[in-house]
Amino acid sequence: MSNSATAVQTAPKQELNPFSAPLPDADLADKNPLAPSITSEITSSVLEAMQGDVERVFKDPEQQKKVFQMLVEADEQTKARKVVNTKTEEPFKKFLTLWKIRFKYGIHWKKPLYPFRLIRNIALGKFYNFFKIKKFVLRGIEFSGTYRCNFRCHHCLCIRLDQSDVRREMEPDDYKRVVKEAMALGATTFGIEGGEPFVHQQWAEILEACQGNYNHLIISTNGWLFDEEKAKKAAEIGVDTINFSLDSGISEMHDLFRLRFGSFDRVLNGIKLCKKYGIKVIINTVVHRENIYTDHFRSLLDFCEKEKLLLNTLFAKGVGNFKGRDVLLDEQAIQDYEEVIRPYNYVQRHLNYNYGKQFGCPGTKEMINMTPYGDVLNCANMHIYLGNVMDEPLDKVRDNALKKTPFGAYHSCFLADDPDFMNVYYPLLEKKPHFSIEEFNEDLDEYEEKNNKVVYPELKATKDKERQEAAALAKE
């Protein structure tokens, strides 16, 4: 055998996406996408699964004992489903705080033309909504820069979606083109999330492509890799807000959920760095059936109230590592959630603010999410691929989705509040990790026929019109 042939056979495999490879300290011991725990059996209970991870995360026996007791208490509080309020509501203060939050997080006076573009978009959105004009101003895009991550959290969404070994991720020039197309549709906000965005070695170049001098820029991170160098660079690029994920106001409960000892302290340090460099902070947390009644969730509300940080709550969906777990909030739990947060001023649900109207899913209409490979999604948790910006322009993908999906109208969360949608979507998700508009509509038609009901009248009218037009063309 020749030397050249030997060289071909032994040549190392080229990394498809070397700029988003997990860093050396990545906790990749667990490869099982169904259960982040390497010690506990797969269970429908999040708290049970967390019990199996205590010894993995905490090495001190006394601390292990303390955490086990916290989990027992959380389990008891969850089963009791009792709303406990330790704070008194102050309506006038809440009203003033609401407007303070809007001005603090919503308007960036130092950026040329940004406030005026924002005011124009809001006015236009209200105009369309008031006169029932079927047009929507795009607010922005949340880019999943990479699905790779240095954590393996109990609710991990991206572990089932990562195709970085077989699909090429978008590069900075791709982001530059898509941002330009989005701005033509009115977009003023661009964010990068993950996975973990700081795993991507070109995170700064991606954000620079988002034109931070003119647009609102956001980073969503677990905080572990966020240091002074990154804080300084983010401020230079024009990052306005960093969303830190925090699952509890109690350090041990957060670290356990994230399966990383010390992760709570990393977030606190990140908050200090943001204050130093003039970057605003939002706390993101997932609300699920096994945390809304607990002391550790209220401790997070208290922490954000004390630090005057906006807490953005996202209702759990049965996707990612939450797939198959008993996490979705039922109607009573949603009502109880409203009671739990009622006395607090610095907390909101992520559906609260839209251009067109006050409440409802902004997906596709005002905000879109994008996979690292260019697939357009209604939101990060919605794995219906609406089209791909590497194949066709953004406006064409969005227009098609507005016409052929239920996302062309404001609606409460499809994955947490809409039983009909969930009855179609989640069974499809059991078959494959993501699917097309056509696949979803086929199953929706079957569901409507089986249950003798029309779930989305506007969508059905559009589909019926298309069928009639197709039939007319066929006759010709």
Protein backbone atom coordinates (compact mmCIF):
# COMPACT_ATOMS: atom_id res chain seq x y z
CA MET A 1 0.00 0.00 0.00
CA SER A 2 1.38 3.40 -0.91
CA ASN A 3 2.18 6.08 1.65
CA SER A 4 -0.39 8.39 0.05
CA ALA A 5 -3.15 5.77 0.44
CA THR A 6 -2.19 5.27 4.07
CA ALA A 7 -2.34 9.03 4.60
CA VAL A 8 -5.87 9.16 3.18
CA GLN A 9 -7.07 6.38 5.47
CA THR A 10 -5.57 7.82 8.64
CA ALA A 11 -6.42 11.50 8.03
CA PRO A 12 -8.43 12.86 10.97
CA LYS A 13 -12.08 13.63 10.38
CA GLN A 14 -12.61 17.35 9.84
CA GLU A 15 -14.88 19.06 12.37
CA LEU A 16 -17.95 20.34 10.53
CA ASN A 17 -18.52 23.24 12.93
CA PRO A 18 -15.24 23.82 14.81
CA PHE A 19 -16.30 27.24 16.11
CA SER A 20 -19.16 25.81 18.19
CA ALA A 21 -17.42 22.79 19.73
CA PRO A 22 -17.99 22.49 23.50
CA LEU A 23 -15.06 23.76 25.53
CA PRO A 24 -12.82 21.39 27.53
CA ASP A 25 -14.72 21.86 30.80
CA ALA A 26 -18.01 20.72 29.25
CA ASP A 27 -19.94 18.26 31.40
CA LEU A 28 -20.64 15.63 28.75
CA ALA A 29 -20.60 12.51 30.94
CA ASP A 30 -24.27 11.87 30.31
CA LYS A 31 -25.25 11.11 26.72
CA ASN A 32 -28.81 9.97 27.46
CA PRO A 33 -31.22 12.59 26.07
CA LEU A 34 -34.13 11.17 28.04
CA ALA A 35 -32.64 11.69 31.49
CA PRO A 36 -29.86 14.11 32.39
CA SER A 37 -29.14 12.08 35.50
CA ILE A 38 -26.48 9.38 35.32
CA THR A 39 -27.52 7.99 38.70
CA SER A 40 -31.31 8.00 38.69
CA GLU A 41 -33.78 6.00 36.65
CA ILE A 42 -35.95 7.72 34.07
CA THR A 43 -38.95 9.10 35.92
CA SER A 44 -41.88 11.36 35.18
CA SER A 45 -41.02 13.40 38.28
CA VAL A 46 -38.38 16.13 37.98
CA LEU A 47 -37.85 16.17 41.74
CA GLU A 48 -37.27 12.41 41.76
CA ALA A 49 -34.71 12.72 39.00
CA MET A 50 -32.98 15.52 40.90
CA GLN A 51 -32.71 13.28 43.97
CA GLY A 52 -30.65 10.86 41.91
CA ASP A 53 -28.20 13.64 41.06
CA VAL A 54 -27.47 15.03 44.51
CA GLU A 55 -24.29 12.97 45.03
CA ARG A 56 -23.14 13.78 41.51
CA VAL A 57 -23.32 17.54 42.08
CA PHE A 58 -22.43 17.86 45.78
CA LYS A 59 -19.45 16.10 47.32
CA ASP A 60 -19.84 17.21 50.97
CA PRO A 61 -22.04 14.73 52.95
CA GLU A 62 -23.58 17.47 55.07
CA GLN A 63 -24.52 19.46 52.01
CA GLN A 64 -25.99 16.35 50.40
CA LYS A 65 -28.17 15.83 53.48
CA LYS A 66 -29.30 19.47 53.34
CA VAL A 67 -30.22 19.24 49.65
CA PHE A 68 -32.10 15.96 50.10
CA GLN A 69 -34.21 17.67 52.77
CA MET A 70 -34.91 20.60 50.41
CA LEU A 71 -36.16 18.15 47.78
CA VAL A 72 -38.41 16.40 50.28
CA GLU A 73 -39.93 19.74 51.31
CA ALA A 74 -40.36 20.79 47.66
CA ASP A 75 -42.12 17.50 46.93
CA GLU A 76 -44.48 17.97 49.89
CA GLN A 77 -45.28 21.54 48.84
CA THR A 78 -45.93 20.42 45.26
CA LYS A 79 -48.32 17.67 46.36
CA ALA A 80 -50.17 20.05 48.70
CA ARG A 81 -50.59 22.58 45.85
CA LYS A 82 -51.07 25.39 48.35
CA VAL A 83 -50.49 29.00 47.33
CA VAL A 84 -48.41 30.81 49.94
CA ASN A 85 -47.99 34.59 49.80
CA THR A 86 -45.40 36.14 52.11
CA LYS A 87 -45.66 39.58 50.54
CA THR A 88 -48.44 42.17 50.33
CA GLU A 89 -49.52 43.51 46.95
CA GLU A 90 -49.08 47.25 46.37
CA PRO A 91 -51.09 48.12 43.22
CA PHE A 92 -49.87 51.71 42.79
CA LYS A 93 -46.23 50.71 43.25
CA LYS A 94 -46.77 47.88 40.80
CA PHE A 95 -48.18 50.29 38.21
CA LEU A 96 -45.19 52.63 38.55
CA THR A 97 -42.75 49.73 38.40
CA LEU A 98 -44.38 48.43 35.23
CA TRP A 99 -43.69 51.68 33.41
CA LYS A 100 -40.21 51.86 34.87
CA ILE A 101 -39.51 48.38 33.48
CA ARG A 102 -40.83 49.33 30.06
CA PHE A 103 -38.55 52.34 29.80
CA LYS A 104 -35.55 50.57 31.35
CA TYR A 105 -35.61 47.47 29.16
CA GLY A 106 -37.49 48.72 26.12
CA ILE A 107 -35.94 52.00 25.04
CA HIS A 108 -32.24 52.53 24.33
CA TRP A 109 -31.78 56.25 23.92
CA LYS A 110 -28.06 56.06 23.09
CA LYS A 111 -28.69 54.21 19.82
CA PRO A 112 -29.41 56.50 16.84
CA LEU A 113 -32.97 56.26 15.56
CA TYR A 114 -33.77 53.17 17.69
CA PRO A 115 -36.44 54.85 19.90
CA PHE A 116 -38.14 56.33 16.84
CA ARG A 117 -38.12 53.02 14.97
CA LEU A 118 -39.59 51.35 18.05
CA ILE A 119 -42.34 53.93 18.47
CA ARG A 120 -43.18 53.63 14.76
CA ASN A 121 -43.44 49.84 15.01
CA ILE A 122 -45.67 49.96 18.09
CA ALA A 123 -47.99 52.51 16.48
CA LEU A 124 -48.16 50.51 13.27
CA GLY A 125 -48.84 47.26 15.14
CA LYS A 126 -51.67 48.86 17.12
CA PHE A 127 -53.09 50.33 13.92
CA TYR A 128 -53.13 46.94 12.16
CA ASN A 129 -54.69 45.27 15.19
CA PHE A 130 -57.36 47.94 15.76
CA PHE A 131 -58.53 47.87 12.15
CA LYS A 132 -58.12 44.07 11.94
CA ILE A 133 -55.63 44.32 9.08
CA LYS A 134 -53.84 41.01 8.60
CA LYS A 135 -50.35 42.48 8.65
CA PHE A 136 -47.69 42.25 11.35
CA VAL A 137 -44.51 44.20 12.03
CA LEU A 138 -41.57 41.91 12.77
CA ARG A 139 -40.05 42.80 16.14
CA GLY A 140 -36.97 40.61 15.95
CA ILE A 141 -35.18 37.28 15.74
CA GLU A 142 -33.80 35.00 18.43
CA PHE A 143 -30.86 33.12 16.89
CA SER A 144 -29.81 29.79 18.37
CA GLY A 145 -26.17 30.28 17.53
CA THR A 146 -25.39 26.67 18.41
CA TYR A 147 -27.20 23.80 20.10
CA ARG A 148 -23.98 22.67 21.76
CA CYS A 149 -23.62 23.41 25.45
CA ASN A 150 -21.33 22.99 28.44
CA PHE A 151 -24.29 21.97 30.66
CA ARG A 152 -26.73 19.06 30.76
CA CYS A 153 -29.75 20.61 32.51
CA HIS A 154 -32.89 18.79 33.64
CA HIS A 155 -35.02 20.67 31.13
CA CYS A 156 -32.48 20.74 28.28
CA LEU A 157 -34.27 21.57 25.04
CA CYS A 158 -31.42 21.37 22.57
CA ILE A 159 -29.97 17.94 23.26
CA ARG A 160 -32.58 16.40 20.94
CA LEU A 161 -32.08 18.98 18.20
CA ASP A 162 -28.30 19.18 17.86
CA GLN A 163 -27.32 18.18 14.33
CA SER A 164 -23.97 19.96 14.35
CA ASP A 165 -22.18 16.77 13.35
CA VAL A 166 -24.14 16.48 10.09
CA ARG A 167 -25.36 20.02 9.25
CA ARG A 168 -23.35 23.17 8.77
CA GLU A 169 -24.23 26.04 11.08
CA MET A 170 -24.80 29.56 9.81
CA GLU A 171 -21.71 31.77 9.63
CA PRO A 172 -21.38 35.52 10.39
CA ASP A 173 -21.99 36.48 6.74
CA ASP A 174 -25.23 34.48 6.77
CA TYR A 175 -26.36 36.33 9.89
CA LYS A 176 -25.50 39.65 8.27
CA ARG A 177 -27.75 38.89 5.28
CA VAL A 178 -30.66 37.61 7.41
CA VAL A 179 -30.46 40.63 9.76
CA LYS A 180 -30.67 42.95 6.75
CA GLU A 181 -33.76 41.09 5.50
CA ALA A 182 -35.33 41.21 8.97
CA MET A 183 -34.70 44.94 9.38
CA ALA A 184 -36.53 45.49 6.08
CA LEU A 185 -39.54 43.87 7.79
CA GLY A 186 -39.22 46.24 10.77
CA ALA A 187 -37.01 44.20 13.14
CA THR A 188 -35.20 46.14 15.85
CA THR A 189 -34.26 43.31 18.24
CA PHE A 190 -31.82 40.44 17.77
CA GLY A 191 -30.71 37.89 20.31
CA ILE A 192 -28.31 34.97 20.45
CA GLU A 193 -29.01 31.95 22.62
CA GLY A 194 -28.21 28.25 22.40
CA GLY A 195 -27.36 25.73 23.61
CA GLU A 196 -24.88 28.04 25.22
CA PRO A 197 -23.91 31.01 23.02
CA PHE A 198 -20.49 31.43 24.63
CA VAL A 199 -19.56 27.91 23.54
CA HIS A 200 -19.56 29.37 20.01
CA GLN A 201 -16.15 30.93 19.47
CA GLN A 202 -17.64 33.39 16.95
CA TRP A 203 -20.35 34.69 19.29
CA ALA A 204 -18.96 38.23 19.01
CA GLU A 205 -18.87 38.14 15.18
CA ILE A 206 -22.48 36.92 15.09
CA LEU A 207 -23.59 39.80 17.31
CA GLU A 208 -21.57 42.31 15.30
CA ALA A 209 -23.56 41.16 12.25
CA CYS A 210 -26.71 42.25 14.15
CA GLN A 211 -25.73 45.95 13.95
CA GLY A 212 -25.59 46.85 17.62
CA ASN A 213 -25.34 50.57 16.85
CA TYR A 214 -28.96 50.51 15.63
CA ASN A 215 -30.63 47.46 17.16
CA HIS A 216 -31.46 46.04 20.58
CA LEU A 217 -29.06 43.12 21.20
CA ILE A 218 -29.63 40.32 23.73
CA ILE A 219 -27.58 37.34 24.91
CA SER A 220 -29.23 34.45 26.77
CA THR A 221 -26.73 32.40 28.78
CA ASN A 222 -26.31 30.01 31.70
CA GLY A 223 -23.55 32.35 32.92
CA TRP A 224 -20.80 29.77 33.43
CA LEU A 225 -18.46 31.09 30.71
CA PHE A 226 -19.35 34.76 31.14
CA ASP A 227 -16.28 36.57 32.50
CA GLU A 228 -14.93 40.12 32.54
CA GLU A 229 -13.38 39.82 29.09
CA LYS A 230 -16.72 38.75 27.57
CA ALA A 231 -18.63 41.41 29.52
CA LYS A 232 -16.33 44.13 28.19
CA LYS A 233 -16.55 42.79 24.62
CA ALA A 234 -20.35 42.52 24.80
CA ALA A 235 -20.60 46.15 25.91
CA GLU A 236 -18.31 47.26 23.06
CA ILE A 237 -20.45 45.41 20.50
CA GLY A 238 -23.59 47.14 21.78
CA VAL A 239 -25.27 44.35 23.76
CA ASP A 240 -28.09 45.95 25.76
CA THR A 241 -29.41 43.02 27.79
CA ILE A 242 -28.13 39.69 29.06
CA ASN A 243 -30.68 37.08 30.09
CA PHE A 244 -29.26 34.80 32.78
CA SER A 245 -30.99 31.50 33.47
CA LEU A 246 -31.75 31.04 37.16
CA ASP A 247 -33.95 28.25 38.49
CA SER A 248 -34.12 29.17 42.17
CA GLY A 249 -33.12 31.83 44.64
CA ILE A 250 -31.44 29.04 46.62
CA SER A 251 -27.99 28.22 45.25
CA GLU A 252 -28.16 24.47 45.90
CA MET A 253 -31.47 24.05 44.06
CA HIS A 254 -30.21 25.96 41.02
CA ASP A 255 -26.92 24.04 40.93
CA LEU A 256 -28.78 20.73 41.18
CA PHE A 257 -31.19 21.59 38.37
CA ARG A 258 -28.25 22.65 36.21
CA LEU A 259 -26.14 19.64 37.32
CA ARG A 260 -23.19 21.98 37.90
CA PHE A 261 -21.88 22.92 41.33
CA GLY A 262 -21.09 26.64 41.49
CA SER A 263 -23.36 27.67 38.61
CA PHE A 264 -25.48 29.89 40.89
CA ASP A 265 -22.41 31.86 41.97
CA ARG A 266 -21.35 32.26 38.32
CA VAL A 267 -24.70 33.93 37.58
CA LEU A 268 -24.32 36.29 40.53
CA ASN A 269 -20.86 37.24 39.31
CA GLY A 270 -22.27 37.77 35.81
CA ILE A 271 -24.88 40.16 37.19
CA LYS A 272 -22.12 42.19 38.89
CA LEU A 273 -20.13 42.36 35.66
CA CYS A 274 -23.19 43.57 33.74
CA LYS A 275 -23.71 46.37 36.23
CA LYS A 276 -20.05 47.32 35.87
CA TYR A 277 -20.24 47.57 32.09
CA GLY A 278 -23.72 49.09 31.82
CA ILE A 279 -25.55 46.02 30.51
CA LYS A 280 -29.12 45.39 31.66
CA VAL A 281 -30.00 42.06 33.26
CA ILE A 282 -33.10 39.88 32.91
CA ILE A 283 -33.53 36.60 34.76
CA ASN A 284 -35.14 33.75 32.80
CA THR A 285 -36.76 30.86 34.63
CA VAL A 286 -38.94 27.93 33.61
CA VAL A 287 -42.13 27.46 35.63
CA HIS A 288 -43.30 23.85 35.88
CA ARG A 289 -45.70 21.76 37.92
CA GLU A 290 -43.06 20.88 40.52
CA ASN A 291 -41.73 24.32 41.36
CA ILE A 292 -44.54 26.91 41.41
CA TYR A 293 -45.70 25.99 44.93
CA THR A 294 -42.22 25.75 46.44
CA ASP A 295 -40.18 27.94 48.75
CA HIS A 296 -37.30 27.93 46.31
CA PHE A 297 -39.45 29.49 43.54
CA ARG A 298 -40.64 32.20 45.92
CA SER A 299 -37.02 32.77 46.92
CA LEU A 300 -36.29 33.58 43.26
CA LEU A 301 -39.18 36.06 43.18
CA ASP A 302 -37.81 37.66 46.36
CA PHE A 303 -34.29 37.81 44.93
CA CYS A 304 -35.41 39.62 41.77
CA GLU A 305 -37.60 41.99 43.76
CA LYS A 306 -34.70 42.87 46.05
CA GLU A 307 -32.22 43.34 43.18
CA LYS A 308 -34.80 45.10 40.96
CA LEU A 309 -34.21 42.64 38.14
CA LEU A 310 -36.99 41.65 35.74
CA LEU A 311 -37.91 37.97 36.12
CA ASN A 312 -39.15 36.51 32.84
CA THR A 313 -41.15 33.33 33.45
CA LEU A 314 -41.62 30.72 30.73
CA PHE A 315 -44.15 27.92 31.18
CA ALA A 316 -42.74 24.42 30.82
CA LYS A 317 -43.34 22.52 27.60
CA GLY A 318 -43.14 18.78 27.11
CA VAL A 319 -40.07 19.00 24.88
CA GLY A 320 -36.36 18.27 25.25
CA ASN A 321 -35.52 16.63 28.59
CA PHE A 322 -38.99 17.61 29.82
CA LYS A 323 -40.50 15.29 27.23
CA GLY A 324 -42.39 12.52 29.04
CA ARG A 325 -42.19 14.25 32.41
CA ASP A 326 -45.13 15.53 34.44
CA VAL A 327 -44.29 19.23 34.07
CA LEU A 328 -47.12 20.96 32.17
CA LEU A 329 -49.28 23.35 34.18
CA ASP A 330 -52.98 22.50 34.23
CA GLU A 331 -55.68 25.16 34.39
CA GLN A 332 -55.63 25.29 38.19
CA ALA A 333 -51.85 25.54 38.30
CA ILE A 334 -51.92 28.46 35.86
CA GLN A 335 -54.41 30.26 38.10
CA ASP A 336 -52.23 29.49 41.11
CA TYR A 337 -49.18 30.85 39.31
CA GLU A 338 -51.00 34.17 38.88
CA GLU A 339 -51.73 34.21 42.62
CA VAL A 340 -48.14 33.38 43.54
CA ILE A 341 -46.66 36.23 41.47
CA ARG A 342 -49.45 38.75 42.18
CA PRO A 343 -47.67 40.61 45.04
CA TYR A 344 -44.42 40.93 43.08
CA ASN A 345 -43.55 43.84 40.81
CA TYR A 346 -40.52 42.59 38.88
CA VAL A 347 -42.02 39.51 37.26
CA GLN A 348 -43.81 38.94 33.96
CA ARG A 349 -44.88 36.15 31.69
CA HIS A 350 -43.06 36.27 28.36
CA LEU A 351 -46.34 36.71 26.39
CA ASN A 352 -47.23 40.03 28.00
CA TYR A 353 -45.94 42.64 25.55
CA ASN A 354 -46.61 42.82 21.81
CA TYR A 355 -46.84 45.53 19.17
CA GLY A 356 -50.28 44.41 18.06
CA LYS A 357 -51.99 43.72 21.37
CA GLN A 358 -51.19 43.32 25.03
CA PHE A 359 -51.16 39.52 25.45
CA GLY A 360 -50.56 36.56 23.21
CA CYS A 361 -47.92 34.46 21.52
CA PRO A 362 -45.78 36.79 19.35
CA GLY A 363 -44.33 33.86 17.42
CA THR A 364 -44.03 34.30 13.62
CA LYS A 365 -46.07 37.51 13.75
CA GLU A 366 -43.58 39.59 15.75
CA MET A 367 -40.78 37.28 16.87
CA ILE A 368 -39.21 34.28 15.22
CA ASN A 369 -36.61 31.80 16.38
CA MET A 370 -33.95 30.32 14.14
CA THR A 371 -31.93 27.13 14.45
CA PRO A 372 -28.15 27.26 13.94
CA TYR A 373 -28.81 25.78 10.49
CA GLY A 374 -31.23 28.49 9.30
CA ASP A 375 -34.55 26.73 10.00
CA VAL A 376 -37.26 29.22 10.99
CA LEU A 377 -39.37 28.36 14.05
CA ASN A 378 -42.37 29.95 15.74
CA CYS A 379 -40.41 29.80 19.01
CA ALA A 380 -37.51 27.85 20.48
CA ASN A 381 -39.83 25.19 21.90
CA MET A 382 -41.88 24.75 18.73
CA HIS A 383 -40.20 22.22 16.45
CA ILE A 384 -42.30 22.84 13.37
CA TYR A 385 -39.80 23.93 10.72
CA LEU A 386 -41.45 26.76 8.78
CA GLY A 387 -38.74 27.01 6.11
CA ASN A 388 -35.02 27.71 5.84
CA VAL A 389 -33.36 31.08 5.18
CA MET A 390 -30.44 29.33 3.50
CA ASP A 391 -32.87 28.20 0.79
CA GLU A 392 -35.27 31.17 0.41
CA PRO A 393 -35.68 34.78 1.66
CA LEU A 394 -36.93 35.40 5.20
CA ASP A 395 -40.04 37.31 4.10
CA LYS A 396 -41.17 34.43 1.90
CA VAL A 397 -40.71 31.88 4.72
CA ARG A 398 -42.61 34.07 7.18
CA ASP A 399 -45.49 34.92 4.79
CA ASN A 400 -46.00 31.23 4.03
CA ALA A 401 -46.06 30.38 7.74
CA LEU A 402 -48.56 33.14 8.55
CA LYS A 403 -50.94 31.73 5.93
CA LYS A 404 -50.51 28.01 6.55
CA THR A 405 -50.21 27.72 10.35
CA PRO A 406 -52.25 28.84 13.38
CA PHE A 407 -49.51 31.39 14.14
CA GLY A 408 -51.14 34.08 12.01
CA ALA A 409 -53.27 35.23 14.97
CA TYR A 410 -52.48 36.27 18.55
CA HIS A 411 -53.14 33.34 20.81
CA SER A 412 -52.15 32.17 24.27
CA CYS A 413 -49.19 29.77 24.40
CA PHE A 414 -49.87 26.88 22.01
CA LEU A 415 -47.66 24.44 23.91
CA ALA A 416 -48.84 25.27 27.43
CA ASP A 417 -52.37 26.70 27.16
CA ASP A 418 -53.96 25.16 24.05
CA PRO A 419 -55.19 21.55 24.61
CA ASP A 420 -56.15 21.03 20.95
CA PHE A 421 -52.74 22.10 19.67
CA MET A 422 -51.01 19.98 22.29
CA ASN A 423 -53.12 16.95 21.32
CA VAL A 424 -51.80 17.25 17.76
CA TYR A 425 -48.27 18.49 18.38
CA TYR A 426 -46.98 16.26 21.17
CA PRO A 427 -47.96 12.93 19.53
CA LEU A 428 -46.13 14.12 16.39
CA LEU A 429 -43.12 14.92 18.53
CA GLU A 430 -43.10 11.32 19.75
CA LYS A 431 -42.43 10.19 16.18
CA LYS A 432 -39.65 12.63 15.23
CA PRO A 433 -37.71 15.55 16.76
CA HIS A 434 -38.99 18.09 14.22
CA PHE A 435 -41.39 18.21 11.28
CA SER A 436 -42.77 20.43 8.52
CA ILE A 437 -45.87 22.63 8.23
CA GLU A 438 -47.42 20.05 5.89
CA GLU A 439 -46.91 17.20 8.37
CA PHE A 440 -48.50 19.22 11.16
CA ASN A 441 -51.49 20.22 9.01
CA GLU A 442 -52.12 16.64 7.95
CA ASP A 443 -52.39 15.55 11.58
CA LEU A 444 -54.45 18.63 12.46
CA ASP A 445 -56.97 17.75 9.70
CA GLU A 446 -57.23 14.19 11.06
CA TYR A 447 -57.71 15.50 14.59
CA GLU A 448 -60.48 17.90 13.54
CA GLU A 449 -62.26 15.20 11.55
CA LYS A 450 -61.99 12.67 14.38
CA ASN A 451 -63.32 15.15 16.97
CA ASN A 452 -65.84 16.80 14.64
CA LYS A 453 -64.56 20.30 15.38
CA VAL A 454 -62.73 23.18 13.73
CA VAL A 455 -59.83 24.22 15.93
CA TYR A 456 -58.56 27.25 13.98
CA PRO A 457 -61.35 28.69 11.75
CA GLU A 458 -59.09 31.21 9.97
CA LEU A 459 -56.57 28.52 9.08
CA LYS A 460 -59.30 26.17 7.86
CA ALA A 461 -60.74 28.92 5.64
CA THR A 462 -57.31 29.48 4.08
CA LYS A 463 -56.79 25.76 3.47
CA ASP A 464 -60.30 25.36 1.99
CA LYS A 465 -59.65 28.28 -0.38
CA GLU A 466 -56.37 26.72 -1.52
CA ARG A 467 -58.10 23.38 -2.16
CA GLN A 468 -60.83 25.09 -4.21
CA GLU A 469 -58.23 26.96 -6.26
CA ALA A 470 -56.26 23.75 -6.82
CA ALA A 471 -59.43 21.94 -7.89
CA ALA A 472 -60.31 24.75 -10.31
CA LEU A 473 -56.84 24.60 -11.87
CA ALA A 474 -57.09 20.84 -12.20
CA LYS A 475 -60.36 21.19 -14.18
CA GLU A 476 -58.74 23.65 -16.57
